[in-house]
PDB file of N, CA and C in Angstrom:
ATOM      1  N   ALA A   1     100.898 106.067 144.748  1.00  0.00           N
ATOM      2  CA  ALA A   1     101.918 105.234 145.371  1.00  0.00           C
ATOM      3  C   ALA A   1     101.263 104.398 146.455  1.00  0.00           C
ATOM      4  N   THR A   2     101.492 103.131 146.414  1.00  0.00           N
ATOM      5  CA  THR A   2     100.912 102.204 147.386  1.00  0.00           C
ATOM      6  C   THR A   2     101.845 102.050 148.576  1.00  0.00           C
ATOM      7  N   GLY A   3     101.261 102.072 149.762  1.00  0.00           N
ATOM      8  CA  GLY A   3     102.042 101.839 150.964  1.00  0.00           C
ATOM      9  C   GLY A   3     102.929 103.006 151.371  1.00  0.00           C
ATOM     10  N   GLN A   4     102.698 104.178 150.798  1.00  0.00           N
ATOM     11  CA  GLN A   4     103.518 105.341 151.129  1.00  0.00           C
ATOM     12  C   GLN A   4     103.004 105.955 152.426  1.00  0.00           C
ATOM     13  N   ALA A   5     103.911 106.329 153.303  1.00  0.00           N
ATOM     14  CA  ALA A   5     103.543 106.952 154.575  1.00  0.00           C
ATOM     15  C   ALA A   5     104.184 108.322 154.670  1.00  0.00           C
ATOM     16  N   VAL A   6     103.451 109.249 155.257  1.00  0.00           N
ATOM     17  CA  VAL A   6     103.961 110.607 155.445  1.00  0.00           C
ATOM     18  C   VAL A   6     103.833 110.945 156.918  1.00  0.00           C
ATOM     19  N   SER A   7     104.942 111.409 157.502  1.00  0.00           N
ATOM     20  CA  SER A   7     104.887 111.875 158.886  1.00  0.00           C
ATOM     21  C   SER A   7     105.588 113.220 158.934  1.00  0.00           C
ATOM     22  N   GLY A   8     104.848 114.229 159.255  1.00  0.00           N
ATOM     23  CA  GLY A   8     105.422 115.568 159.306  1.00  0.00           C
ATOM     24  C   GLY A   8     105.450 116.218 157.930  1.00  0.00           C
ATOM     25  N   ASN A   9     106.245 117.266 157.815  1.00  0.00           N
ATOM     26  CA  ASN A   9     106.352 117.994 156.550  1.00  0.00           C
ATOM     27  C   ASN A   9     107.018 117.120 155.502  1.00  0.00           C
ATOM     28  N   SER A  10     106.416 117.039 154.329  1.00  0.00           N
ATOM     29  CA  SER A  10     106.952 116.199 153.259  1.00  0.00           C
ATOM     30  C   SER A  10     106.677 116.844 151.909  1.00  0.00           C
ATOM     31  N   THR A  11     107.548 116.585 150.967  1.00  0.00           N
ATOM     32  CA  THR A  11     107.330 116.967 149.581  1.00  0.00           C
ATOM     33  C   THR A  11     107.129 115.683 148.788  1.00  0.00           C
ATOM     34  N   LEU A  12     105.997 115.594 148.116  1.00  0.00           N
ATOM     35  CA  LEU A  12     105.683 114.405 147.336  1.00  0.00           C
ATOM     36  C   LEU A  12     105.662 114.792 145.865  1.00  0.00           C
ATOM     37  N   ASN A  13     106.395 114.074 145.023  1.00  0.00           N
ATOM     38  CA  ASN A  13     106.444 114.327 143.590  1.00  0.00           C
ATOM     39  C   ASN A  13     105.946 113.096 142.846  1.00  0.00           C
ATOM     40  N   TYR A  14     105.098 113.325 141.851  1.00  0.00           N
ATOM     41  CA  TYR A  14     104.553 112.222 141.065  1.00  0.00           C
ATOM     42  C   TYR A  14     104.672 112.557 139.583  1.00  0.00           C
ATOM     43  N   ASP A  15     104.948 111.551 138.786  1.00  0.00           N
ATOM     44  CA  ASP A  15     105.033 111.701 137.335  1.00  0.00           C
ATOM     45  C   ASP A  15     103.834 110.980 136.724  1.00  0.00           C
ATOM     46  N   VAL A  16     102.891 111.733 136.149  1.00  0.00           N
ATOM     47  CA  VAL A  16     101.697 111.161 135.545  1.00  0.00           C
ATOM     48  C   VAL A  16     101.998 110.843 134.081  1.00  0.00           C
ATOM     49  N   GLN A  17     101.835 109.580 133.703  1.00  0.00           N
ATOM     50  CA  GLN A  17     102.137 109.124 132.347  1.00  0.00           C
ATOM     51  C   GLN A  17     100.849 108.978 131.537  1.00  0.00           C
ATOM     52  N   THR A  18     100.815 109.532 130.346  1.00  0.00           N
ATOM     53  CA  THR A  18      99.709 109.340 129.412  1.00  0.00           C
ATOM     54  C   THR A  18     100.290 109.000 128.047  1.00  0.00           C
ATOM     55  N   PRO A  19      99.517 108.319 127.209  1.00  0.00           N
ATOM     56  CA  PRO A  19     100.010 108.003 125.864  1.00  0.00           C
ATOM     57  C   PRO A  19     100.243 109.280 125.052  1.00  0.00           C
ATOM     58  N   VAL A  20     101.050 109.157 124.042  1.00  0.00           N
ATOM     59  CA  VAL A  20     101.295 110.255 123.106  1.00  0.00           C
ATOM     60  C   VAL A  20     100.002 110.533 122.350  1.00  0.00           C
ATOM     61  N   GLN A  21      99.799 111.782 121.946  1.00  0.00           N
ATOM     62  CA  GLN A  21      98.647 112.128 121.121  1.00  0.00           C
ATOM     63  C   GLN A  21      99.120 112.453 119.714  1.00  0.00           C
ATOM     64  N   VAL A  22      98.308 112.060 118.726  1.00  0.00           N
ATOM     65  CA  VAL A  22      98.609 112.326 117.328  1.00  0.00           C
ATOM     66  C   VAL A  22      97.371 112.905 116.655  1.00  0.00           C
ATOM     67  N   THR A  23      97.580 113.608 115.552  1.00  0.00           N
ATOM     68  CA  THR A  23      96.469 114.151 114.784  1.00  0.00           C
ATOM     69  C   THR A  23      95.967 113.089 113.818  1.00  0.00           C
ATOM     70  N   VAL A  24      94.668 112.858 113.845  1.00  0.00           N
ATOM     71  CA  VAL A  24      94.036 111.953 112.882  1.00  0.00           C
ATOM     72  C   VAL A  24      93.108 112.786 112.008  1.00  0.00           C
ATOM     73  N   THR A  25      93.119 112.500 110.729  1.00  0.00           N
ATOM     74  CA  THR A  25      92.286 113.231 109.782  1.00  0.00           C
ATOM     75  C   THR A  25      91.841 112.270 108.700  1.00  0.00           C
ATOM     76  N   GLY A  26      90.703 112.522 108.110  1.00  0.00           N
ATOM     77  CA  GLY A  26      90.240 111.626 107.062  1.00  0.00           C
ATOM     78  C   GLY A  26      88.973 112.106 106.397  1.00  0.00           C
ATOM     79  N   GLN A  27      88.547 111.324 105.424  1.00  0.00           N
ATOM     80  CA  GLN A  27      87.339 111.598 104.659  1.00  0.00           C
ATOM     81  C   GLN A  27      86.383 110.428 104.856  1.00  0.00           C
ATOM     82  N   VAL A  28      85.099 110.711 104.895  1.00  0.00           N
ATOM     83  CA  VAL A  28      84.084 109.690 105.083  1.00  0.00           C
ATOM     84  C   VAL A  28      83.367 109.459 103.753  1.00  0.00           C
ATOM     85  N   LEU A  29      83.169 108.188 103.427  1.00  0.00           N
ATOM     86  CA  LEU A  29      82.402 107.807 102.235  1.00  0.00           C
ATOM     87  C   LEU A  29      81.083 107.183 102.681  1.00  0.00           C
ATOM     88  N   HIS A  30      80.081 107.230 101.812  1.00  0.00           N
ATOM     89  CA  HIS A  30      78.808 106.573 102.084  1.00  0.00           C
ATOM     90  C   HIS A  30      78.460 105.704 100.888  1.00  0.00           C
ATOM     91  N   ASN A  31      78.423 104.399 101.118  1.00  0.00           N
ATOM     92  CA  ASN A  31      78.181 103.433 100.041  1.00  0.00           C
ATOM     93  C   ASN A  31      79.149 103.644  98.882  1.00  0.00           C
ATOM     94  N   GLY A  32      80.404 103.955  99.202  1.00  0.00           N
ATOM     95  CA  GLY A  32      81.449 104.126  98.201  1.00  0.00           C
ATOM     96  C   GLY A  32      81.517 105.498  97.567  1.00  0.00           C
ATOM     97  N   SER A  33      80.592 106.364  97.894  1.00  0.00           N
ATOM     98  CA  SER A  33      80.554 107.702  97.299  1.00  0.00           C
ATOM     99  C   SER A  33      81.146 108.741  98.239  1.00  0.00           C
ATOM    100  N   ALA A  34      81.950 109.626  97.684  1.00  0.00           N
ATOM    101  CA  ALA A  34      82.532 110.722  98.471  1.00  0.00           C
ATOM    102  C   ALA A  34      81.548 111.874  98.627  1.00  0.00           C
ATOM    103  N   GLN A  35      80.474 111.890  97.846  1.00  0.00           N
ATOM    104  CA  GLN A  35      79.483 112.966  97.903  1.00  0.00           C
ATOM    105  C   GLN A  35      78.525 112.714  99.063  1.00  0.00           C
ATOM    106  N   ILE A  36      78.860 113.285 100.210  1.00  0.00           N
ATOM    107  CA  ILE A  36      78.108 113.087 101.442  1.00  0.00           C
ATOM    108  C   ILE A  36      77.128 114.231 101.679  1.00  0.00           C
ATOM    109  N   CYS A  37      77.553 115.448 101.381  1.00  0.00           N
ATOM    110  CA  CYS A  37      76.811 116.643 101.759  1.00  0.00           C
ATOM    111  C   CYS A  37      76.126 117.305 100.565  1.00  0.00           C
ATOM    112  N   GLN A  38      75.085 118.030 100.896  1.00  0.00           N
ATOM    113  CA  GLN A  38      74.392 118.832  99.901  1.00  0.00           C
ATOM    114  C   GLN A  38      75.207 120.078  99.613  1.00  0.00           C
ATOM    115  N   SER A  39      75.118 120.575  98.396  1.00  0.00           N
ATOM    116  CA  SER A  39      75.882 121.778  98.057  1.00  0.00           C
ATOM    117  C   SER A  39      75.391 122.958  98.895  1.00  0.00           C
ATOM    118  N   GLY A  40      76.302 123.846  99.187  1.00  0.00           N
ATOM    119  CA  GLY A  40      75.965 125.027  99.981  1.00  0.00           C
ATOM    120  C   GLY A  40      76.059 124.833 101.474  1.00  0.00           C
ATOM    121  N   TYR A  41      76.459 123.646 101.925  1.00  0.00           N
ATOM    122  CA  TYR A  41      76.511 123.388 103.365  1.00  0.00           C
ATOM    123  C   TYR A  41      77.940 123.244 103.895  1.00  0.00           C
ATOM    124  N   ALA A  42      78.902 123.849 103.245  1.00  0.00           N
ATOM    125  CA  ALA A  42      80.286 123.790 103.715  1.00  0.00           C
ATOM    126  C   ALA A  42      80.377 124.324 105.148  1.00  0.00           C
ATOM    127  N   GLY A  43      81.045 123.557 106.000  1.00  0.00           N
ATOM    128  CA  GLY A  43      81.222 123.955 107.393  1.00  0.00           C
ATOM    129  C   GLY A  43      80.141 123.438 108.321  1.00  0.00           C
ATOM    130  N   TYR A  44      79.082 122.870 107.765  1.00  0.00           N
ATOM    131  CA  TYR A  44      78.012 122.322 108.599  1.00  0.00           C
ATOM    132  C   TYR A  44      78.347 120.891 109.010  1.00  0.00           C
ATOM    133  N   GLU A  45      77.694 120.446 110.086  1.00  0.00           N
ATOM    134  CA  GLU A  45      77.957 119.122 110.649  1.00  0.00           C
ATOM    135  C   GLU A  45      77.203 118.040 109.879  1.00  0.00           C
ATOM    136  N   ALA A  46      77.950 117.005 109.454  1.00  0.00           N
ATOM    137  CA  ALA A  46      77.343 115.862 108.772  1.00  0.00           C
ATOM    138  C   ALA A  46      77.228 114.649 109.690  1.00  0.00           C
ATOM    139  N   GLY A  47      77.973 114.648 110.792  1.00  0.00           N
ATOM    140  CA  GLY A  47      77.937 113.513 111.703  1.00  0.00           C
ATOM    141  C   GLY A  47      79.070 113.526 112.694  1.00  0.00           C
ATOM    142  N   THR A  48      79.281 112.372 113.308  1.00  0.00           N
ATOM    143  CA  THR A  48      80.322 112.210 114.325  1.00  0.00           C
ATOM    144  C   THR A  48      81.063 110.906 114.082  1.00  0.00           C
ATOM    145  N   ILE A  49      82.384 110.945 114.243  1.00  0.00           N
ATOM    146  CA  ILE A  49      83.194 109.731 114.225  1.00  0.00           C
ATOM    147  C   ILE A  49      83.743 109.536 115.629  1.00  0.00           C
ATOM    148  N   SER A  50      83.601 108.318 116.134  1.00  0.00           N
ATOM    149  CA  SER A  50      84.021 108.012 117.509  1.00  0.00           C
ATOM    150  C   SER A  50      85.124 106.966 117.499  1.00  0.00           C
ATOM    151  N   PHE A  51      86.163 107.224 118.274  1.00  0.00           N
ATOM    152  CA  PHE A  51      87.270 106.307 118.477  1.00  0.00           C
ATOM    153  C   PHE A  51      87.155 105.799 119.914  1.00  0.00           C
ATOM    154  N   ASP A  52      86.677 104.574 120.080  1.00  0.00           N
ATOM    155  CA  ASP A  52      86.458 104.008 121.408  1.00  0.00           C
ATOM    156  C   ASP A  52      87.641 103.127 121.781  1.00  0.00           C
ATOM    157  N   SER A  53      88.388 103.554 122.803  1.00  0.00           N
ATOM    158  CA  SER A  53      89.604 102.874 123.223  1.00  0.00           C
ATOM    159  C   SER A  53      89.310 101.470 123.729  1.00  0.00           C
ATOM    160  N   LYS A  54      90.161 100.523 123.344  1.00  0.00           N
ATOM    161  CA  LYS A  54      90.088  99.159 123.854  1.00  0.00           C
ATOM    162  C   LYS A  54      90.821  99.034 125.188  1.00  0.00           C
ATOM    163  N   THR A  55      91.573 100.084 125.584  1.00  0.00           N
ATOM    164  CA  THR A  55      92.374 100.058 126.802  1.00  0.00           C
ATOM    165  C   THR A  55      91.676 100.753 127.963  1.00  0.00           C
ATOM    166  N   SER A  56      91.204 101.977 127.724  1.00  0.00           N
ATOM    167  CA  SER A  56      90.588 102.780 128.777  1.00  0.00           C
ATOM    168  C   SER A  56      89.656 103.807 128.147  1.00  0.00           C
ATOM    169  N   SER A  57      88.474 103.970 128.711  1.00  0.00           N
ATOM    170  CA  SER A  57      87.542 104.976 128.193  1.00  0.00           C
ATOM    171  C   SER A  57      88.127 106.386 128.289  1.00  0.00           C
ATOM    172  N   ASN A  58      89.138 106.567 129.142  1.00  0.00           N
ATOM    173  CA  ASN A  58      89.806 107.867 129.249  1.00  0.00           C
ATOM    174  C   ASN A  58      90.507 108.256 127.950  1.00  0.00           C
ATOM    175  N   PHE A  59      90.821 107.278 127.096  1.00  0.00           N
ATOM    176  CA  PHE A  59      91.553 107.539 125.860  1.00  0.00           C
ATOM    177  C   PHE A  59      90.632 107.632 124.641  1.00  0.00           C
ATOM    178  N   SER A  60      89.324 107.489 124.840  1.00  0.00           N
ATOM    179  CA  SER A  60      88.370 107.570 123.736  1.00  0.00           C
ATOM    180  C   SER A  60      88.184 109.017 123.286  1.00  0.00           C
ATOM    181  N   SER A  61      87.863 109.185 121.983  1.00  0.00           N
ATOM    182  CA  SER A  61      87.668 110.520 121.408  1.00  0.00           C
ATOM    183  C   SER A  61      86.539 110.476 120.389  1.00  0.00           C
ATOM    184  N   SER A  62      85.882 111.609 120.209  1.00  0.00           N
ATOM    185  CA  SER A  62      84.878 111.774 119.158  1.00  0.00           C
ATOM    186  C   SER A  62      85.148 113.091 118.448  1.00  0.00           C
ATOM    187  N   PHE A  63      84.982 113.078 117.122  1.00  0.00           N
ATOM    188  CA  PHE A  63      85.217 114.274 116.315  1.00  0.00           C
ATOM    189  C   PHE A  63      84.021 114.529 115.410  1.00  0.00           C
ATOM    190  N   THR A  64      83.742 115.781 115.183  1.00  0.00           N
ATOM    191  CA  THR A  64      82.670 116.157 114.271  1.00  0.00           C
ATOM    192  C   THR A  64      83.129 115.953 112.837  1.00  0.00           C
ATOM    193  N   ILE A  65      82.238 115.432 112.018  1.00  0.00           N
ATOM    194  CA  ILE A  65      82.471 115.289 110.584  1.00  0.00           C
ATOM    195  C   ILE A  65      81.826 116.507 109.928  1.00  0.00           C
ATOM    196  N   TYR A  66      82.626 117.284 109.195  1.00  0.00           N
ATOM    197  CA  TYR A  66      82.125 118.521 108.596  1.00  0.00           C
ATOM    198  C   TYR A  66      81.989 118.415 107.086  1.00  0.00           C
ATOM    199  N   CYS A  67      80.945 119.031 106.564  1.00  0.00           N
ATOM    200  CA  CYS A  67      80.740 119.140 105.119  1.00  0.00           C
ATOM    201  C   CYS A  67      81.767 120.097 104.531  1.00  0.00           C
ATOM    202  N   GLN A  68      82.257 119.764 103.348  1.00  0.00           N
ATOM    203  CA  GLN A  68      83.191 120.618 102.619  1.00  0.00           C
ATOM    204  C   GLN A  68      82.477 121.213 101.396  1.00  0.00           C
ATOM    205  N   SER A  69      83.052 122.245 100.815  1.00  0.00           N
ATOM    206  CA  SER A  69      82.411 122.950  99.694  1.00  0.00           C
ATOM    207  C   SER A  69      82.221 122.068  98.463  1.00  0.00           C
ATOM    208  N   ASP A  70      83.005 121.006  98.345  1.00  0.00           N
ATOM    209  CA  ASP A  70      82.872 120.118  97.184  1.00  0.00           C
ATOM    210  C   ASP A  70      81.913 118.950  97.440  1.00  0.00           C
ATOM    211  N   GLY A  71      81.195 118.962  98.572  1.00  0.00           N
ATOM    212  CA  GLY A  71      80.222 117.923  98.887  1.00  0.00           C
ATOM    213  C   GLY A  71      80.790 116.747  99.669  1.00  0.00           C
ATOM    214  N   THR A  72      82.100 116.736  99.890  1.00  0.00           N
ATOM    215  CA  THR A  72      82.714 115.675 100.683  1.00  0.00           C
ATOM    216  C   THR A  72      82.535 115.977 102.171  1.00  0.00           C
ATOM    217  N   ALA A  73      82.886 115.006 103.004  1.00  0.00           N
ATOM    218  CA  ALA A  73      82.792 115.164 104.453  1.00  0.00           C
ATOM    219  C   ALA A  73      84.094 114.691 105.075  1.00  0.00           C
ATOM    220  N   THR A  74      84.693 115.521 105.918  1.00  0.00           N
ATOM    221  CA  THR A  74      85.992 115.206 106.508  1.00  0.00           C
ATOM    222  C   THR A  74      85.970 115.439 108.016  1.00  0.00           C
ATOM    223  N   PHE A  75      86.973 114.868 108.672  1.00  0.00           N
ATOM    224  CA  PHE A  75      87.144 115.061 110.114  1.00  0.00           C
ATOM    225  C   PHE A  75      88.618 115.251 110.409  1.00  0.00           C
ATOM    226  N   THR A  76      88.890 115.862 111.540  1.00  0.00           N
ATOM    227  CA  THR A  76      90.249 115.982 112.056  1.00  0.00           C
ATOM    228  C   THR A  76      90.169 116.149 113.567  1.00  0.00           C
ATOM    229  N   GLY A  77      91.164 115.617 114.258  1.00  0.00           N
ATOM    230  CA  GLY A  77      91.199 115.741 115.706  1.00  0.00           C
ATOM    231  C   GLY A  77      92.461 115.115 116.260  1.00  0.00           C
ATOM    232  N   THR A  78      92.592 115.153 117.569  1.00  0.00           N
ATOM    233  CA  THR A  78      93.753 114.612 118.258  1.00  0.00           C
ATOM    234  C   THR A  78      93.330 113.388 119.059  1.00  0.00           C
ATOM    235  N   ALA A  79      94.028 112.281 118.843  1.00  0.00           N
ATOM    236  CA  ALA A  79      93.713 111.031 119.540  1.00  0.00           C
ATOM    237  C   ALA A  79      94.966 110.487 120.207  1.00  0.00           C
ATOM    238  N   TYR A  80      94.753 109.760 121.285  1.00  0.00           N
ATOM    239  CA  TYR A  80      95.865 109.071 121.943  1.00  0.00           C
ATOM    240  C   TYR A  80      96.332 107.908 121.076  1.00  0.00           C
ATOM    241  N   THR A  81      97.601 107.539 121.210  1.00  0.00           N
ATOM    242  CA  THR A  81      98.083 106.318 120.573  1.00  0.00           C
ATOM    243  C   THR A  81      97.533 105.153 121.381  1.00  0.00           C
ATOM    244  N   ASP A  82      96.759 104.298 120.718  1.00  0.00           N
ATOM    245  CA  ASP A  82      96.073 103.207 121.391  1.00  0.00           C
ATOM    246  C   ASP A  82      95.404 102.348 120.318  1.00  0.00           C
ATOM    247  N   THR A  83      94.566 101.429 120.728  1.00  0.00           N
ATOM    248  CA  THR A  83      93.779 100.603 119.814  1.00  0.00           C
ATOM    249  C   THR A  83      92.306 100.949 120.016  1.00  0.00           C
ATOM    250  N   PHE A  84      91.582 101.131 118.900  1.00  0.00           N
ATOM    251  CA  PHE A  84      90.222 101.657 118.958  1.00  0.00           C
ATOM    252  C   PHE A  84      89.250 100.854 118.102  1.00  0.00           C
ATOM    253  N   ASP A  85      87.992 100.848 118.524  1.00  0.00           N
ATOM    254  CA  ASP A  85      86.880 100.497 117.658  1.00  0.00           C
ATOM    255  C   ASP A  85      86.334 101.832 117.164  1.00  0.00           C
ATOM    256  N   VAL A  86      86.069 101.928 115.849  1.00  0.00           N
ATOM    257  CA  VAL A  86      85.664 103.200 115.249  1.00  0.00           C
ATOM    258  C   VAL A  86      84.237 103.074 114.721  1.00  0.00           C
ATOM    259  N   SER A  87      83.418 104.082 115.014  1.00  0.00           N
ATOM    260  CA  SER A  87      82.041 104.103 114.532  1.00  0.00           C
ATOM    261  C   SER A  87      81.690 105.501 114.040  1.00  0.00           C
ATOM    262  N   ILE A  88      80.682 105.554 113.180  1.00  0.00           N
ATOM    263  CA  ILE A  88      80.221 106.820 112.595  1.00  0.00           C
ATOM    264  C   ILE A  88      78.709 106.890 112.711  1.00  0.00           C
ATOM    265  N   SER A  89      78.197 108.073 113.003  1.00  0.00           N
ATOM    266  CA  SER A  89      76.753 108.304 112.968  1.00  0.00           C
ATOM    267  C   SER A  89      76.490 109.673 112.360  1.00  0.00           C
ATOM    268  N   GLY A  90      75.459 109.756 111.554  1.00  0.00           N
ATOM    269  CA  GLY A  90      75.074 111.019 110.926  1.00  0.00           C
ATOM    270  C   GLY A  90      74.305 111.890 111.895  1.00  0.00           C
ATOM    271  N   SER A  91      74.339 113.184 111.635  1.00  0.00           N
ATOM    272  CA  SER A  91      73.582 114.138 112.447  1.00  0.00           C
ATOM    273  C   SER A  91      73.567 115.477 111.736  1.00  0.00           C
ATOM    274  N   GLY A  92      72.737 116.350 112.182  1.00  0.00           N
ATOM    275  CA  GLY A  92      72.722 117.713 111.660  1.00  0.00           C
ATOM    276  C   GLY A  92      71.855 117.919 110.437  1.00  0.00           C
ATOM    277  N   GLY A  93      71.560 116.857 109.691  1.00  0.00           N
ATOM    278  CA  GLY A  93      70.682 117.003 108.538  1.00  0.00           C
ATOM    279  C   GLY A  93      71.323 117.582 107.293  1.00  0.00           C
ATOM    280  N   TYR A  94      72.649 117.718 107.274  1.00  0.00           N
ATOM    281  CA  TYR A  94      73.324 118.327 106.130  1.00  0.00           C
ATOM    282  C   TYR A  94      74.052 117.321 105.259  1.00  0.00           C
ATOM    283  N   GLY A  95      74.000 116.064 105.628  1.00  0.00           N
ATOM    284  CA  GLY A  95      74.641 115.021 104.843  1.00  0.00           C
ATOM    285  C   GLY A  95      73.735 113.812 104.761  1.00  0.00           C
ATOM    286  N   ASN A  96      74.150 112.809 104.002  1.00  0.00           N
ATOM    287  CA  ASN A  96      73.307 111.630 103.844  1.00  0.00           C
ATOM    288  C   ASN A  96      73.803 110.419 104.629  1.00  0.00           C
ATOM    289  N   LEU A  97      74.553 110.655 105.695  1.00  0.00           N
ATOM    290  CA  LEU A  97      74.969 109.555 106.563  1.00  0.00           C
ATOM    291  C   LEU A  97      73.772 109.086 107.391  1.00  0.00           C
ATOM    292  N   PRO A  98      73.683 107.792 107.687  1.00  0.00           N
ATOM    293  CA  PRO A  98      72.558 107.310 108.497  1.00  0.00           C
ATOM    294  C   PRO A  98      72.604 107.895 109.907  1.00  0.00           C
ATOM    295  N   TYR A  99      71.425 108.077 110.489  1.00  0.00           N
ATOM    296  CA  TYR A  99      71.320 108.670 111.821  1.00  0.00           C
ATOM    297  C   TYR A  99      71.492 107.656 112.942  1.00  0.00           C
ATOM    298  N   TYR A 100      71.910 106.475 112.632  1.00  0.00           N
ATOM    299  CA  TYR A 100      72.224 105.468 113.641  1.00  0.00           C
ATOM    300  C   TYR A 100      73.723 105.190 113.588  1.00  0.00           C
ATOM    301  N   THR A 101      74.234 104.504 114.582  1.00  0.00           N
ATOM    302  CA  THR A 101      75.666 104.239 114.678  1.00  0.00           C
ATOM    303  C   THR A 101      76.055 103.055 113.784  1.00  0.00           C
ATOM    304  N   VAL A 102      77.094 103.270 112.973  1.00  0.00           N
ATOM    305  CA  VAL A 102      77.627 102.236 112.093  1.00  0.00           C
ATOM    306  C   VAL A 102      79.065 101.949 112.516  1.00  0.00           C
ATOM    307  N   ASP A 103      79.349 100.699 112.866  1.00  0.00           N
ATOM    308  CA  ASP A 103      80.712 100.301 113.199  1.00  0.00           C
ATOM    309  C   ASP A 103      81.486 100.183 111.894  1.00  0.00           C
ATOM    310  N   VAL A 104      82.595 100.937 111.780  1.00  0.00           N
ATOM    311  CA  VAL A 104      83.349 100.947 110.526  1.00  0.00           C
ATOM    312  C   VAL A 104      84.698 100.246 110.612  1.00  0.00           C
ATOM    313  N   THR A 105      85.284 100.169 111.793  1.00  0.00           N
ATOM    314  CA  THR A 105      86.572  99.499 111.990  1.00  0.00           C
ATOM    315  C   THR A 105      86.661  98.984 113.411  1.00  0.00           C
ATOM    316  N   GLN A 106      87.202  97.782 113.557  1.00  0.00           N
ATOM    317  CA  GLN A 106      87.468  97.252 114.884  1.00  0.00           C
ATOM    318  C   GLN A 106      88.972  97.077 115.051  1.00  0.00           C
ATOM    319  N   ARG A 107      89.415  97.385 116.257  1.00  0.00           N
ATOM    320  CA  ARG A 107      90.822  97.211 116.658  1.00  0.00           C
ATOM    321  C   ARG A 107      91.788  97.993 115.769  1.00  0.00           C
ATOM    322  N   LEU A 108      91.434  99.234 115.445  1.00  0.00           N
ATOM    323  CA  LEU A 108      92.330 100.125 114.707  1.00  0.00           C
ATOM    324  C   LEU A 108      93.475 100.551 115.616  1.00  0.00           C
ATOM    325  N   ALA A 109      94.698 100.275 115.218  1.00  0.00           N
ATOM    326  CA  ALA A 109      95.877 100.655 116.006  1.00  0.00           C
ATOM    327  C   ALA A 109      96.386 102.001 115.530  1.00  0.00           C
ATOM    328  N   ILE A 110      96.491 102.940 116.444  1.00  0.00           N
ATOM    329  CA  ILE A 110      97.130 104.226 116.174  1.00  0.00           C
ATOM    330  C   ILE A 110      98.439 104.214 116.961  1.00  0.00           C
ATOM    331  N   PRO A 111      99.553 103.960 116.259  1.00  0.00           N
ATOM    332  CA  PRO A 111     100.828 103.803 116.964  1.00  0.00           C
ATOM    333  C   PRO A 111     101.450 105.122 117.412  1.00  0.00           C
TER     334      PRO A 111
END
């Protein structure tokens, strides 16, 4: 609160507002193929997907991309409703995603 003054005993109440959070989930493809991971690596890390907020870095999120038993790679997590630039980078050595950051979507709106 701007310009607020307190003299003596006071009770101050504030309502902190944040955007709603929603669950985001998806599958990652590489060059059009759903086969990202080597067999036998279910549950291992294939990379990271990052949701970088266009409004505030406080609303940005990153989720681990996990290998599934069928060789696919999926992610799930909770993100604020906002607009994001989305990027993916491989890691862990269990999938064939590149080890550098790839921008996959710009200005993705999560309502």
